Protein backbone atom coordinates (compact mmCIF):
# COMPACT_ATOMS: atom_id res chain seq x y z
CA MET A 1 -1.21 -16.35 19.60
CA GLY A 2 -0.33 -15.90 15.66
CA ILE A 3 -1.02 -13.16 13.23
CA LYS A 4 -4.84 -12.43 11.53
CA TRP A 5 -3.64 -9.37 9.37
CA ILE A 6 -0.55 -7.72 7.64
CA ILE A 7 -0.62 -4.39 6.64
CA SER A 8 1.79 -2.80 4.68
CA ASP A 9 2.68 0.37 2.89
CA ILE A 10 3.14 0.87 -1.03
CA ASP A 11 5.61 3.48 -2.01
CA GLY A 12 9.20 2.41 -1.25
CA CYS A 13 7.64 -1.03 -0.26
CA LEU A 14 5.69 -2.42 -3.29
CA SER A 15 7.38 0.18 -5.80
CA SER A 16 9.59 2.72 -5.93
CA GLU A 17 8.22 6.26 -5.22
CA ALA A 18 9.86 7.52 -8.65
CA SER A 19 7.66 7.55 -11.75
CA VAL A 20 8.91 4.17 -12.97
CA ALA A 21 8.01 0.77 -14.34
CA TRP A 22 7.31 -1.47 -11.25
CA ASP A 23 9.58 -4.79 -10.86
CA MET A 24 6.22 -6.94 -12.63
CA GLU A 25 8.31 -10.22 -12.20
CA ALA A 26 8.27 -9.39 -8.59
CA PHE A 27 5.20 -8.15 -8.15
CA LEU A 28 3.46 -10.98 -10.10
CA GLU A 29 4.97 -13.30 -7.00
CA PHE A 30 3.61 -11.26 -4.67
CA ALA A 31 0.40 -10.86 -6.31
CA ARG A 32 -0.09 -14.58 -6.06
CA ARG A 33 1.13 -14.75 -2.58
CA VAL A 34 -1.30 -12.47 -1.32
CA ARG A 35 -4.28 -13.52 -3.59
CA GLU A 36 -4.02 -16.95 -2.01
CA ALA A 37 -3.81 -15.57 1.52
CA ASN A 38 -6.81 -13.36 0.96
CA ALA A 39 -8.85 -16.48 -0.57
CA GLY A 40 -7.88 -18.04 2.58
CA ARG A 41 -5.00 -20.60 1.32
CA GLY A 42 -1.84 -20.87 2.61
CA ALA A 43 -0.03 -20.33 5.45
CA LEU A 44 0.50 -16.68 4.65
CA ALA A 45 -1.75 -14.32 6.72
CA PRO A 46 -4.23 -12.01 4.73
CA MET A 47 -3.01 -8.67 3.58
CA THR A 48 -4.26 -5.35 3.53
CA LEU A 49 -2.89 -1.75 2.60
CA CYS A 50 -1.98 1.39 4.13
CA THR A 51 -0.70 4.81 2.49
CA GLY A 52 -0.32 8.06 1.52
CA ARG A 53 -1.46 7.57 -2.16
CA PRO A 54 -5.21 8.46 -2.74
CA GLN A 55 -7.80 6.02 -2.83
CA PRO A 56 -8.32 5.58 -6.35
CA TYR A 57 -4.70 4.22 -6.55
CA VAL A 58 -5.57 2.37 -3.68
CA GLU A 59 -8.94 0.76 -5.07
CA LEU A 60 -6.73 -0.59 -8.07
CA LEU A 61 -4.48 -2.49 -6.00
CA MET A 62 -7.04 -3.58 -3.68
CA LYS A 63 -8.58 -5.46 -6.77
CA LEU A 64 -5.50 -6.69 -8.40
CA LEU A 65 -4.15 -8.25 -5.00
CA ASP A 66 -8.10 -9.32 -3.84
CA VAL A 67 -7.62 -7.54 -0.66
CA ARG A 68 -10.84 -8.14 1.29
CA ALA A 69 -10.57 -5.79 4.31
CA PRO A 70 -10.57 -2.28 4.37
CA ALA A 71 -7.70 -0.20 3.36
CA ILE A 72 -6.22 2.88 4.60
CA ALA A 73 -5.42 5.89 2.20
CA GLU A 74 -3.77 9.71 2.61
CA ASN A 75 -2.09 8.62 5.44
CA GLY A 76 -4.67 7.36 7.60
CA ALA A 77 -7.35 9.95 6.71
CA VAL A 78 -9.66 7.68 4.56
CA PHE A 79 -10.63 4.20 4.85
CA TYR A 80 -11.83 2.43 1.23
CA SER A 81 -13.37 -0.97 0.98
CA LEU A 82 -14.29 -2.82 -2.02
CA THR A 83 -17.52 -4.35 -0.57
CA GLY A 84 -20.07 -1.73 -1.30
CA ASN A 85 -17.08 0.72 -3.23
CA ARG A 86 -17.52 2.71 -0.07
CA ALA A 87 -14.71 5.47 0.99
CA ARG A 88 -15.16 7.39 4.11
CA TYR A 89 -12.99 9.56 6.20
CA ALA A 90 -11.26 8.67 9.28
CA PRO A 91 -12.13 10.11 12.70
CA GLY A 92 -10.61 13.66 13.03
CA VAL A 93 -10.95 14.40 9.62
CA SER A 94 -13.85 17.35 9.92
CA GLU A 95 -15.57 19.40 7.14
CA GLU A 96 -13.95 22.34 8.79
CA LYS A 97 -10.26 20.66 8.46
CA LEU A 98 -11.28 19.41 4.70
CA LEU A 99 -11.95 23.45 3.77
CA GLY A 100 -9.14 24.27 5.51
CA MET A 101 -6.53 21.99 3.64
CA ARG A 102 -8.06 22.88 0.50
CA THR A 103 -7.22 26.39 1.50
CA VAL A 104 -3.56 25.08 2.04
CA ARG A 105 -3.59 23.39 -1.57
CA ALA A 106 -4.57 26.31 -3.16
CA PHE A 107 -1.91 28.43 -1.35
CA ILE A 108 0.78 25.99 -2.72
CA GLU A 109 -0.53 25.57 -5.69
CA THR A 110 -0.29 29.66 -6.87
CA GLU A 111 2.11 30.97 -4.33
CA VAL A 112 4.81 28.19 -3.99
CA LEU A 113 5.05 25.82 -6.66
CA PRO A 114 5.57 28.47 -9.57
CA SER A 115 8.98 29.12 -7.72
CA PHE A 116 10.07 25.40 -7.83
CA PRO A 117 9.31 23.80 -11.20
CA ASP A 118 10.75 20.64 -10.45
CA ALA A 119 7.95 20.10 -7.64
CA ILE A 120 4.76 18.99 -8.62
CA LEU A 121 1.28 18.86 -6.61
CA GLN A 122 -0.08 15.29 -6.17
CA PHE A 123 -3.78 15.17 -7.88
CA GLY A 124 -6.46 13.10 -6.30
CA LYS A 125 -6.21 13.59 -2.67
CA GLU A 126 -8.98 15.21 -0.01
CA ALA A 127 -7.57 15.81 3.16
CA GLN A 128 -3.63 15.67 2.56
CA VAL A 129 -1.28 17.45 0.37
CA SER A 130 1.58 15.53 -1.38
CA ILE A 131 4.54 17.48 -3.17
CA PHE A 132 6.65 15.36 -5.60
CA SER A 133 10.09 16.42 -6.77
CA GLU A 134 13.46 14.57 -7.42
CA ASN A 135 15.27 17.31 -6.27
CA VAL A 136 14.45 16.69 -2.71
CA GLU A 137 16.63 19.65 -1.32
CA VAL A 138 14.09 22.06 -2.15
CA PHE A 139 11.64 20.67 0.50
CA GLY A 140 13.29 22.30 3.33
CA THR A 141 12.14 25.53 1.43
CA ILE A 142 8.71 24.70 0.79
CA GLN A 143 8.04 23.93 4.49
CA GLU A 144 9.29 27.07 5.54
CA ARG A 145 6.87 28.42 3.28
CA ILE A 146 3.87 26.54 3.77
CA GLU A 147 4.57 26.87 8.13
CA ALA A 148 4.81 30.46 7.45
CA TYR A 149 1.85 30.75 5.75
CA LEU A 150 -0.35 28.90 8.46
CA ARG A 151 1.29 30.87 11.54
CA GLU A 152 0.29 34.17 9.55
CA ARG A 153 -3.10 33.26 8.00
CA GLY A 154 -3.90 30.42 10.15
CA GLY A 155 -5.35 27.04 8.90
CA PRO A 156 -5.77 23.42 10.35
CA GLU A 157 -2.86 22.13 12.19
CA LEU A 158 -0.52 19.82 10.00
CA LEU A 159 2.24 17.47 10.45
CA ILE A 160 5.07 17.97 7.56
CA ASN A 161 7.54 15.45 6.72
CA ALA A 162 9.05 13.84 3.87
CA SER A 163 9.30 10.38 2.37
CA HIS A 164 11.55 9.29 -0.38
CA LEU A 165 10.48 11.74 -2.97
CA TYR A 166 7.43 13.71 -1.51
CA LEU A 167 6.53 16.09 1.01
CA ASN A 168 3.32 15.00 2.81
CA CYS A 169 1.08 17.64 4.72
CA SER A 170 -1.46 15.79 7.01
CA LEU A 171 -3.80 16.78 9.43
CA LYS A 172 -2.24 16.65 12.73
CA GLY A 173 -3.43 13.70 14.73
CA VAL A 174 -4.80 11.55 11.78
CA ASN A 175 -1.92 9.16 10.85
CA LYS A 176 -1.68 5.25 9.74
CA GLY A 177 -1.52 4.09 13.38
CA ARG A 178 -4.65 5.91 14.46
CA ALA A 179 -6.56 4.52 11.32
CA LEU A 180 -4.98 0.68 12.00
CA GLU A 181 -6.26 0.96 15.50
CA MET A 182 -9.66 1.57 14.50
CA LEU A 183 -9.49 -0.88 11.73
CA GLN A 184 -8.07 -3.54 14.45
CA ALA A 185 -11.18 -2.78 16.53
CA GLU A 186 -13.85 -3.13 13.48
CA LEU A 187 -11.82 -6.43 12.13
CA GLY A 188 -11.52 -7.75 15.88
CA VAL A 189 -7.96 -8.58 15.77
CA SER A 190 -5.14 -6.96 18.33
CA ARG A 191 -2.03 -5.02 18.21
CA GLU A 192 -0.14 -8.66 18.61
CA GLN A 193 -2.13 -10.23 16.13
CA THR A 194 -1.22 -7.46 13.29
CA ALA A 195 1.84 -7.22 11.05
CA GLY A 196 2.90 -4.09 9.45
CA ILE A 197 5.53 -3.12 6.73
CA GLY A 198 6.97 0.32 6.38
CA ASP A 199 9.93 2.37 5.09
CA THR A 200 9.54 5.98 6.11
CA VAL A 201 8.90 8.28 9.25
CA GLY A 202 5.39 8.38 7.90
CA ASP A 203 5.27 4.66 9.18
CA LEU A 204 6.25 5.46 12.63
CA PRO A 205 2.50 5.63 14.06
CA LEU A 206 1.88 1.91 12.14
CA ARG A 207 4.94 0.57 14.05
CA ARG A 208 3.46 1.35 17.16
CA ALA A 209 0.33 -0.12 16.50
CA VAL A 210 1.36 -3.50 15.34
CA GLY A 211 3.13 -6.76 17.31
CA PHE A 212 5.61 -7.19 14.24
CA PHE A 213 7.22 -4.84 12.36
CA ALA A 214 9.51 -5.27 9.04
CA CYS A 215 11.12 -2.98 6.81
CA PRO A 216 12.91 -3.33 3.40
CA ALA A 217 16.46 -2.73 3.03
CA ASN A 218 16.16 0.89 1.79
CA ALA A 219 13.98 2.34 4.71
CA HIS A 220 14.92 5.06 6.71
CA GLU A 221 17.01 4.77 9.36
CA GLU A 222 14.43 6.06 11.95
CA ILE A 223 12.14 3.19 10.56
CA LYS A 224 15.48 0.44 10.73
CA ALA A 225 15.97 1.46 14.47
CA VAL A 226 12.66 0.69 15.63
CA ALA A 227 11.61 -2.63 13.18
CA ASP A 228 11.67 -6.20 14.33
CA TYR A 229 13.09 -7.25 11.07
CA ILE A 230 14.96 -5.57 8.41
CA ALA A 231 15.08 -7.58 5.09
CA PRO A 232 18.53 -7.80 2.95
CA ARG A 233 17.16 -6.54 -0.46
CA PRO A 234 15.03 -3.50 -1.21
CA GLN A 235 11.07 -2.86 -1.97
CA ILE A 236 9.03 -5.47 -3.13
CA GLU A 237 11.94 -8.04 -2.83
CA GLY A 238 12.34 -7.18 0.74
CA VAL A 239 8.79 -7.38 1.09
CA LEU A 240 8.83 -10.73 -0.73
CA ASP A 241 11.41 -11.86 2.26
CA ILE A 242 9.41 -10.58 4.98
CA LEU A 243 6.40 -12.36 3.90
CA ALA A 244 8.46 -15.57 3.98
CA ARG A 245 9.05 -15.17 7.64
CA PRO A 246 7.39 -17.25 10.39
CA GLU A 247 6.08 -13.90 12.05
CA CYS A 248 3.80 -13.52 8.94
CA ARG A 249 2.20 -17.09 9.45
CA ARG A 250 -1.52 -17.45 9.50
CA ALA A 251 -2.57 -17.86 13.06
């Protein structure tokens, strides 16, 4: 049938989660290939993005890569399209849940993070809370305190899991896979016509929503176990290897 769209995670795939400079040489080659594909030239299928990052971060990358389909941000909670500069919430994100998430964020910021000076709240998110730390051993204790708060005081049902350097608190039932299924319906493409690239457990719902799924060499073991292809190199070098696969050719 052939692939009509590729959807890729960002952190751990196109770049490191650490606060370091991107591999510019590799990114320029990646951008060249993707811009050509998104303009309808060459053999590669067009690409969009699916990430836990907030909308402004995604908007910048979409402009650099000439992404013409909507992208998915905040782990499936937000859609953003360059056409009309339009951001919208995914189904399942209600005003009540947003208010609850803001309360959870305030609790984390005022009552949890002061005990963990190496942990930093990520700014810019509306429907998800993410905590960054290079000392990932603290995530277990932070998660326990958030879960205890929710048991005692109530709040939205959350799914809490870690990527490489982030602890992510997401609305339960709102994820990359469900968002992609909605996007596939809008674009008129099937699961079998979609390829996905991811690297952490937050990408497992993405795996289930695509016909071909690949990951770079630095992916979590849970992701490698379900991938159709594991690149021999990490991050963007691995993604470049994946894009050269016949499974990513335009239908």
